[in-house]
Amino acid sequence: MGDLVWILLSAMVVNNFTLAMFLGLCPFMGVSGRVETALRMGLANIFVLLMTSLCAWTLETFVLVRFPFLRIIAFIVVIASLVQIVEMAIKKLSPTLFRQLGIYLPLITTNCAILGLALFQTSRGYSLVQGLFFALGAGLGLTLALVLMASIREELELHDPPAVARGMGLVLVVAGSLSMAFMGFAGMGSGA
């Protein structure tokens, strides 16, 4: 059980896909304007990451053993299919959220964090349960990054920063500061 908790926490905080590995920056910059929208985008990513993990393990175990040269193509097809399912479900269940997420919802397909998860999971040789914990940790970490950025951006709207620091420049400074803070977790577990 300790291994599973470490895999989860490592993917969520220590090796956060967005703030430590710089994967998934498109939704991080684009959907982090409001906390509610960021949280919902994070939940959609968690679902896609979990399903990708399950499919990647299944493909790796039963198909890609015989055809390893199809690995990246197979993962891209699975991810694109899963995102289409999520997009249709959100459009049907919550048209308002569908409009809020806009172009960023189909962009989950090209989110390198999703493909990175499948490749990292299979290259590390994770079992099904370990892969699911890894996916959950990665999704929670992405959600944490989105919500942190969104809450800071909402707070910045209440203040009047200098004109030179408004807009995307300030967002990039905040993103860099968050990234440095999360990189401080890299020494965890080193025993020093």
Protein backbone atom coordinates (compact mmCIF):
# COMPACT_ATOMS: atom_id res chain seq x y z
CA MET A 1 0.00 0.00 0.00
CA GLY A 2 2.93 2.33 0.72
CA ASP A 3 4.12 2.01 -2.88
CA LEU A 4 0.71 3.04 -4.20
CA VAL A 5 0.55 6.09 -1.93
CA TRP A 6 4.07 7.10 -2.99
CA ILE A 7 3.16 6.70 -6.69
CA LEU A 8 0.05 8.86 -6.14
CA LEU A 9 1.85 11.61 -4.17
CA SER A 10 4.85 11.57 -6.48
CA ALA A 11 2.71 12.10 -9.58
CA MET A 12 0.57 14.70 -7.80
CA VAL A 13 3.17 16.86 -6.09
CA VAL A 14 6.81 15.84 -6.55
CA ASN A 15 6.64 15.15 -10.30
CA ASN A 16 3.58 17.27 -11.06
CA PHE A 17 2.99 16.98 -14.80
CA THR A 18 2.21 20.69 -15.23
CA LEU A 19 4.40 22.47 -12.69
CA ALA A 20 7.47 20.20 -12.65
CA MET A 21 7.43 18.52 -16.07
CA PHE A 22 5.70 21.34 -18.01
CA LEU A 23 3.16 19.01 -19.64
CA GLY A 24 -0.43 20.15 -20.18
CA LEU A 25 0.32 23.87 -20.31
CA CYS A 26 -2.41 24.68 -22.84
CA PRO A 27 -5.33 24.09 -20.44
CA PHE A 28 -3.20 25.44 -17.57
CA MET A 29 -2.89 28.83 -19.27
CA GLY A 30 -6.24 28.84 -21.08
CA VAL A 31 -8.79 27.48 -18.61
CA SER A 32 -7.39 28.85 -15.38
CA GLY A 33 -9.43 32.06 -15.37
CA ARG A 34 -12.16 30.82 -13.01
CA VAL A 35 -11.89 28.24 -10.23
CA GLU A 36 -15.14 26.47 -11.17
CA THR A 37 -14.07 26.05 -14.78
CA ALA A 38 -10.56 24.96 -13.77
CA LEU A 39 -11.96 22.38 -11.36
CA ARG A 40 -14.30 20.95 -13.98
CA MET A 41 -11.52 20.81 -16.57
CA GLY A 42 -9.40 19.03 -13.99
CA LEU A 43 -12.15 16.47 -13.41
CA ALA A 44 -12.47 15.87 -17.15
CA ASN A 45 -8.69 15.37 -17.32
CA ILE A 46 -8.77 12.96 -14.37
CA PHE A 47 -11.38 10.86 -16.14
CA VAL A 48 -9.41 10.83 -19.41
CA LEU A 49 -6.16 10.03 -17.56
CA LEU A 50 -7.75 7.13 -15.68
CA MET A 51 -9.29 5.68 -18.83
CA THR A 52 -6.03 6.21 -20.74
CA SER A 53 -4.15 4.37 -18.00
CA LEU A 54 -6.55 1.45 -18.17
CA CYS A 55 -6.41 1.30 -21.97
CA ALA A 56 -2.62 1.75 -22.07
CA TRP A 57 -2.11 -1.13 -19.64
CA THR A 58 -4.50 -3.34 -21.62
CA LEU A 59 -2.85 -2.49 -24.94
CA GLU A 60 0.65 -2.93 -23.53
CA THR A 61 -0.22 -6.28 -21.94
CA PHE A 62 -2.17 -7.88 -24.76
CA VAL A 63 -1.42 -6.12 -28.06
CA LEU A 64 1.76 -4.08 -28.03
CA VAL A 65 3.86 -7.00 -26.83
CA ARG A 66 3.57 -8.34 -30.38
CA PHE A 67 3.50 -4.97 -32.16
CA PRO A 68 5.64 -2.51 -30.14
CA PHE A 69 6.12 -0.22 -33.14
CA LEU A 70 2.41 0.72 -32.90
CA ARG A 71 2.72 2.06 -29.32
CA ILE A 72 2.42 5.81 -29.97
CA ILE A 73 -0.21 5.46 -32.70
CA ALA A 74 -2.31 3.16 -30.51
CA PHE A 75 -2.10 5.55 -27.56
CA ILE A 76 -3.08 8.54 -29.70
CA VAL A 77 -6.12 6.70 -31.09
CA VAL A 78 -7.22 5.69 -27.58
CA ILE A 79 -6.78 9.23 -26.22
CA ALA A 80 -8.66 10.83 -29.13
CA SER A 81 -11.53 8.37 -28.69
CA LEU A 82 -11.74 8.96 -24.96
CA VAL A 83 -11.76 12.72 -25.37
CA GLN A 84 -14.57 12.46 -27.94
CA ILE A 85 -16.61 10.45 -25.43
CA VAL A 86 -15.95 13.00 -22.67
CA GLU A 87 -16.80 15.88 -25.01
CA MET A 88 -20.11 14.29 -26.04
CA ALA A 89 -21.00 13.51 -22.41
CA ILE A 90 -20.26 17.06 -21.22
CA LYS A 91 -22.16 18.56 -24.15
CA LYS A 92 -25.18 16.42 -23.29
CA LEU A 93 -25.03 16.74 -19.49
CA SER A 94 -23.83 20.34 -19.07
CA PRO A 95 -24.06 22.60 -22.12
CA THR A 96 -22.96 25.57 -19.98
CA LEU A 97 -19.73 23.84 -18.97
CA PHE A 98 -19.24 22.77 -22.59
CA ARG A 99 -19.38 26.45 -23.65
CA GLN A 100 -17.10 27.53 -20.76
CA LEU A 101 -14.41 25.02 -21.67
CA GLY A 102 -14.68 25.96 -25.33
CA ILE A 103 -11.79 24.89 -27.53
CA TYR A 104 -9.83 23.60 -24.53
CA LEU A 105 -12.01 20.50 -24.17
CA PRO A 106 -11.10 18.99 -27.55
CA LEU A 107 -7.52 20.11 -26.92
CA ILE A 108 -7.29 17.43 -24.23
CA THR A 109 -6.65 15.17 -27.22
CA THR A 110 -3.39 16.97 -27.92
CA ASN A 111 -2.58 17.45 -24.25
CA CYS A 112 0.90 16.03 -23.95
CA ALA A 113 0.22 15.16 -20.29
CA ILE A 114 -2.23 12.46 -21.43
CA LEU A 115 0.20 10.90 -23.89
CA GLY A 116 3.02 11.35 -21.38
CA LEU A 117 1.05 9.37 -18.81
CA ALA A 118 0.61 6.44 -21.17
CA LEU A 119 4.28 6.45 -22.15
CA PHE A 120 5.60 6.91 -18.59
CA GLN A 121 3.29 4.23 -17.22
CA THR A 122 4.31 1.62 -19.76
CA SER A 123 8.02 2.47 -19.66
CA ARG A 124 8.03 2.15 -15.86
CA GLY A 125 6.31 -1.23 -16.09
CA TYR A 126 3.47 -0.34 -13.74
CA SER A 127 0.84 -2.96 -12.98
CA LEU A 128 -2.82 -2.10 -13.59
CA VAL A 129 -3.37 -0.85 -10.02
CA GLN A 130 -0.09 1.09 -9.97
CA GLY A 131 -0.97 2.65 -13.33
CA LEU A 132 -4.38 3.74 -12.05
CA PHE A 133 -2.81 5.32 -8.96
CA PHE A 134 -0.26 7.03 -11.21
CA ALA A 135 -3.07 8.37 -13.42
CA LEU A 136 -5.09 9.53 -10.42
CA GLY A 137 -2.05 11.30 -8.98
CA ALA A 138 -1.27 12.94 -12.32
CA GLY A 139 -4.89 14.05 -12.69
CA LEU A 140 -5.08 15.40 -9.16
CA GLY A 141 -1.79 17.21 -9.71
CA LEU A 142 -3.07 18.77 -12.94
CA THR A 143 -6.30 19.76 -11.17
CA LEU A 144 -4.31 21.22 -8.28
CA ALA A 145 -2.21 23.29 -10.69
CA LEU A 146 -5.33 24.51 -12.55
CA VAL A 147 -7.17 25.45 -9.35
CA LEU A 148 -4.13 27.17 -7.81
CA MET A 149 -3.60 29.24 -10.94
CA ALA A 150 -7.31 30.05 -11.24
CA SER A 151 -7.58 31.14 -7.61
CA ILE A 152 -4.53 33.41 -7.97
CA ARG A 153 -5.92 34.88 -11.20
CA GLU A 154 -9.29 35.52 -9.54
CA GLU A 155 -7.52 37.23 -6.64
CA LEU A 156 -5.47 39.37 -9.05
CA GLU A 157 -8.71 40.66 -10.59
CA LEU A 158 -9.54 42.27 -7.23
CA HIS A 159 -6.31 44.27 -7.24
CA ASP A 160 -4.86 46.86 -9.57
CA PRO A 161 -1.43 45.71 -10.73
CA PRO A 162 0.73 48.14 -12.71
CA ALA A 163 -0.18 48.35 -16.39
CA VAL A 164 3.11 46.78 -17.46
CA ALA A 165 2.33 43.65 -15.38
CA ARG A 166 -1.26 43.09 -16.49
CA GLY A 167 -2.41 40.24 -18.69
CA MET A 168 -0.38 37.26 -19.77
CA GLY A 169 2.91 38.68 -18.43
CA LEU A 170 1.65 38.49 -14.87
CA VAL A 171 0.16 35.05 -15.50
CA LEU A 172 3.55 33.80 -16.69
CA VAL A 173 5.27 35.23 -13.60
CA VAL A 174 2.73 33.47 -11.37
CA ALA A 175 3.15 30.22 -13.33
CA GLY A 176 6.92 30.42 -12.95
CA SER A 177 6.60 31.05 -9.22
CA LEU A 178 4.26 28.09 -8.81
CA SER A 179 6.64 25.92 -10.80
CA MET A 180 9.59 26.88 -8.62
CA ALA A 181 7.55 26.16 -5.50
CA PHE A 182 6.64 22.69 -6.77
CA MET A 183 10.20 21.95 -7.84
CA GLY A 184 11.10 22.35 -4.18
CA PHE A 185 9.36 19.02 -3.60
CA ALA A 186 11.91 17.26 -5.84
CA GLY A 187 14.16 16.49 -2.85
CA MET A 188 11.41 14.62 -0.99
CA GLY A 189 12.23 11.02 -0.32
CA SER A 190 15.93 11.39 -1.01
CA GLY A 191 16.82 10.41 2.56
CA ALA A 192 19.13 13.42 3.01
